[in-house]
């Protein structure tokens, strides 16, 4: 889980839905003078988790630590590659002198 997702978990969630239906009948029915019918359904849902025993805040802390470790490992990989290039250059220079 990345840091943005972990922080977003602290916020409420909101969803909405809209459904529209149009029915066209070839002939008007006995109860209606119209040959078509329109219906609609509309809904909104909101939720907000109030207490989770600190799991969401722990997820944020864990995500920050994981990001730090990724940066640390990437820095170490760069240093390793720089050392490999330096060693290869030395080996090449030695090969030219032989």
C-alpha atoms as a PDB file:
ATOM      1  CA  UNK A   1       0.000   0.000   0.000  1.00  0.00           C
ATOM      2  CA  UNK A   2       1.449   3.365  -0.910  1.00  0.00           C
ATOM      3  CA  UNK A   3       1.364   6.440   1.304  1.00  0.00           C
ATOM      4  CA  UNK A   4      -1.421   8.193  -0.634  1.00  0.00           C
ATOM      5  CA  UNK A   5      -3.713   5.174  -0.329  1.00  0.00           C
ATOM      6  CA  UNK A   6      -2.912   4.807   3.359  1.00  0.00           C
ATOM      7  CA  UNK A   7      -3.756   8.458   4.023  1.00  0.00           C
ATOM      8  CA  UNK A   8      -6.897   8.273   1.881  1.00  0.00           C
ATOM      9  CA  UNK A   9      -8.143   5.438   4.097  1.00  0.00           C
ATOM     10  CA  UNK A  10      -8.581   8.012   6.877  1.00  0.00           C
ATOM     11  CA  UNK A  11     -11.144   9.929   4.806  1.00  0.00           C
ATOM     12  CA  UNK A  12     -14.836   9.094   4.374  1.00  0.00           C
ATOM     13  CA  UNK A  13     -15.988   7.349   1.207  1.00  0.00           C
ATOM     14  CA  UNK A  14     -18.872   8.573  -0.917  1.00  0.00           C
ATOM     15  CA  UNK A  15     -20.628   6.922  -3.834  1.00  0.00           C
ATOM     16  CA  UNK A  16     -23.595   7.889  -5.975  1.00  0.00           C
ATOM     17  CA  UNK A  17     -25.737   6.088  -8.524  1.00  0.00           C
ATOM     18  CA  UNK A  18     -28.336   7.181 -11.061  1.00  0.00           C
ATOM     19  CA  UNK A  19     -30.579   4.927 -13.144  1.00  0.00           C
ATOM     20  CA  UNK A  20     -33.012   6.184 -15.762  1.00  0.00           C
ATOM     21  CA  UNK A  21     -35.460   3.974 -17.667  1.00  0.00           C
ATOM     22  CA  UNK A  22     -37.739   4.805 -20.595  1.00  0.00           C
ATOM     23  CA  UNK A  23     -40.294   2.235 -21.761  1.00  0.00           C
ATOM     24  CA  UNK A  24     -42.232   2.738 -24.950  1.00  0.00           C
ATOM     25  CA  UNK A  25     -45.443   0.754 -25.499  1.00  0.00           C
ATOM     26  CA  UNK A  26     -46.936   0.334 -28.977  1.00  0.00           C
ATOM     27  CA  UNK A  27     -50.440   1.154 -27.683  1.00  0.00           C
ATOM     28  CA  UNK A  28     -51.628   3.118 -24.644  1.00  0.00           C
ATOM     29  CA  UNK A  29     -52.878   0.929 -21.796  1.00  0.00           C
ATOM     30  CA  UNK A  30     -56.339   1.229 -20.270  1.00  0.00           C
ATOM     31  CA  UNK A  31     -54.987   3.051 -17.196  1.00  0.00           C
ATOM     32  CA  UNK A  32     -52.920   5.602 -19.096  1.00  0.00           C
ATOM     33  CA  UNK A  33     -53.321   7.808 -22.116  1.00  0.00           C
ATOM     34  CA  UNK A  34     -49.561   7.785 -22.711  1.00  0.00           C
ATOM     35  CA  UNK A  35     -47.665   5.159 -24.676  1.00  0.00           C
ATOM     36  CA  UNK A  36     -44.426   5.522 -22.738  1.00  0.00           C
ATOM     37  CA  UNK A  37     -43.270   5.383 -19.158  1.00  0.00           C
ATOM     38  CA  UNK A  38     -40.201   6.981 -17.527  1.00  0.00           C
ATOM     39  CA  UNK A  39     -38.766   5.874 -14.199  1.00  0.00           C
ATOM     40  CA  UNK A  40     -35.662   6.857 -12.311  1.00  0.00           C
ATOM     41  CA  UNK A  41     -33.711   5.709  -9.286  1.00  0.00           C
ATOM     42  CA  UNK A  42     -31.181   7.904  -7.501  1.00  0.00           C
ATOM     43  CA  UNK A  43     -28.963   7.013  -4.582  1.00  0.00           C
ATOM     44  CA  UNK A  44     -26.109   8.328  -2.460  1.00  0.00           C
ATOM     45  CA  UNK A  45     -24.076   6.285  -0.008  1.00  0.00           C
ATOM     46  CA  UNK A  46     -21.505   7.567   2.470  1.00  0.00           C
ATOM     47  CA  UNK A  47     -19.402   5.712   5.017  1.00  0.00           C
ATOM     48  CA  UNK A  48     -16.656   6.644   7.448  1.00  0.00           C
ATOM     49  CA  UNK A  49     -14.823   4.186   9.638  1.00  0.00           C
ATOM     50  CA  UNK A  50     -14.455   5.789  13.062  1.00  0.00           C
ATOM     51  CA  UNK A  51     -12.305   3.285  14.939  1.00  0.00           C
ATOM     52  CA  UNK A  52     -10.085   0.472  13.731  1.00  0.00           C
ATOM     53  CA  UNK A  53      -7.660   0.045  16.625  1.00  0.00           C
ATOM     54  CA  UNK A  54      -5.018   2.228  14.966  1.00  0.00           C
ATOM     55  CA  UNK A  55      -4.598   0.000  11.904  1.00  0.00           C
ATOM     56  CA  UNK A  56      -4.957   2.841   9.389  1.00  0.00           C
ATOM     57  CA  UNK A  57      -2.419   5.072  11.138  1.00  0.00           C
ATOM     58  CA  UNK A  58      -0.060   2.100  11.431  1.00  0.00           C
ATOM     59  CA  UNK A  59      -0.467   1.536   7.675  1.00  0.00           C
ATOM     60  CA  UNK A  60       0.613   5.140   7.061  1.00  0.00           C
ATOM     61  CA  UNK A  61       3.699   4.695   9.269  1.00  0.00           C
ATOM     62  CA  UNK A  62       4.531   1.384   7.600  1.00  0.00           C
ATOM     63  CA  UNK A  63       4.178   2.912   4.150  1.00  0.00           C
ATOM     64  CA  UNK A  64       6.541   5.767   5.049  1.00  0.00           C
ATOM     65  CA  UNK A  65       9.108   3.296   6.420  1.00  0.00           C
ATOM     66  CA  UNK A  66       8.838   1.155   3.263  1.00  0.00           C
ATOM     67  CA  UNK A  67       9.389   4.232   1.081  1.00  0.00           C
ATOM     68  CA  UNK A  68      12.464   5.166   3.122  1.00  0.00           C
ATOM     69  CA  UNK A  69      13.874   1.635   2.780  1.00  0.00           C
ATOM     70  CA  UNK A  70      13.306   1.674  -0.977  1.00  0.00           C
ATOM     71  CA  UNK A  71      15.270   4.930  -1.223  1.00  0.00           C
ATOM     72  CA  UNK A  72      18.026   3.486   0.982  1.00  0.00           C
ATOM     73  CA  UNK A  73      18.283   0.294  -1.114  1.00  0.00           C
ATOM     74  CA  UNK A  74      18.284   2.303  -4.347  1.00  0.00           C
ATOM     75  CA  UNK A  75      21.112   4.472  -2.987  1.00  0.00           C
ATOM     76  CA  UNK A  76      23.083   1.344  -2.078  1.00  0.00           C
ATOM     77  CA  UNK A  77      22.489  -0.082  -5.559  1.00  0.00           C
ATOM     78  CA  UNK A  78      23.842   3.114  -7.127  1.00  0.00           C
ATOM     79  CA  UNK A  79      26.951   2.920  -4.931  1.00  0.00           C
ATOM     80  CA  UNK A  80      27.448  -0.734  -5.881  1.00  0.00           C
ATOM     81  CA  UNK A  81      27.170   0.087  -9.578  1.00  0.00           C
ATOM     82  CA  UNK A  82      29.612   3.010  -9.226  1.00  0.00           C
ATOM     83  CA  UNK A  83      32.105   0.686  -7.518  1.00  0.00           C
ATOM     84  CA  UNK A  84      31.673  -1.889 -10.282  1.00  0.00           C
ATOM     85  CA  UNK A  85      32.336   0.757 -12.940  1.00  0.00           C
ATOM     86  CA  UNK A  86      35.416   1.951 -11.076  1.00  0.00           C
ATOM     87  CA  UNK A  87      36.730  -1.603 -10.725  1.00  0.00           C
ATOM     88  CA  UNK A  88      36.074  -2.322 -14.400  1.00  0.00           C
ATOM     89  CA  UNK A  89      37.972   0.829 -15.375  1.00  0.00           C
ATOM     90  CA  UNK A  90      40.934  -0.249 -13.230  1.00  0.00           C
ATOM     91  CA  UNK A  91      40.890  -3.741 -14.729  1.00  0.00           C
ATOM     92  CA  UNK A  92      40.762  -2.279 -18.229  1.00  0.00           C
ATOM     93  CA  UNK A  93      43.708   0.011 -17.460  1.00  0.00           C
ATOM     94  CA  UNK A  94      45.687  -2.945 -16.126  1.00  0.00           C
ATOM     95  CA  UNK A  95      44.900  -4.974 -19.232  1.00  0.00           C
ATOM     96  CA  UNK A  96      46.237  -2.195 -21.460  1.00  0.00           C
ATOM     97  CA  UNK A  97      49.567  -2.104 -19.618  1.00  0.00           C
ATOM     98  CA  UNK A  98      50.197  -5.834 -19.987  1.00  0.00           C
END
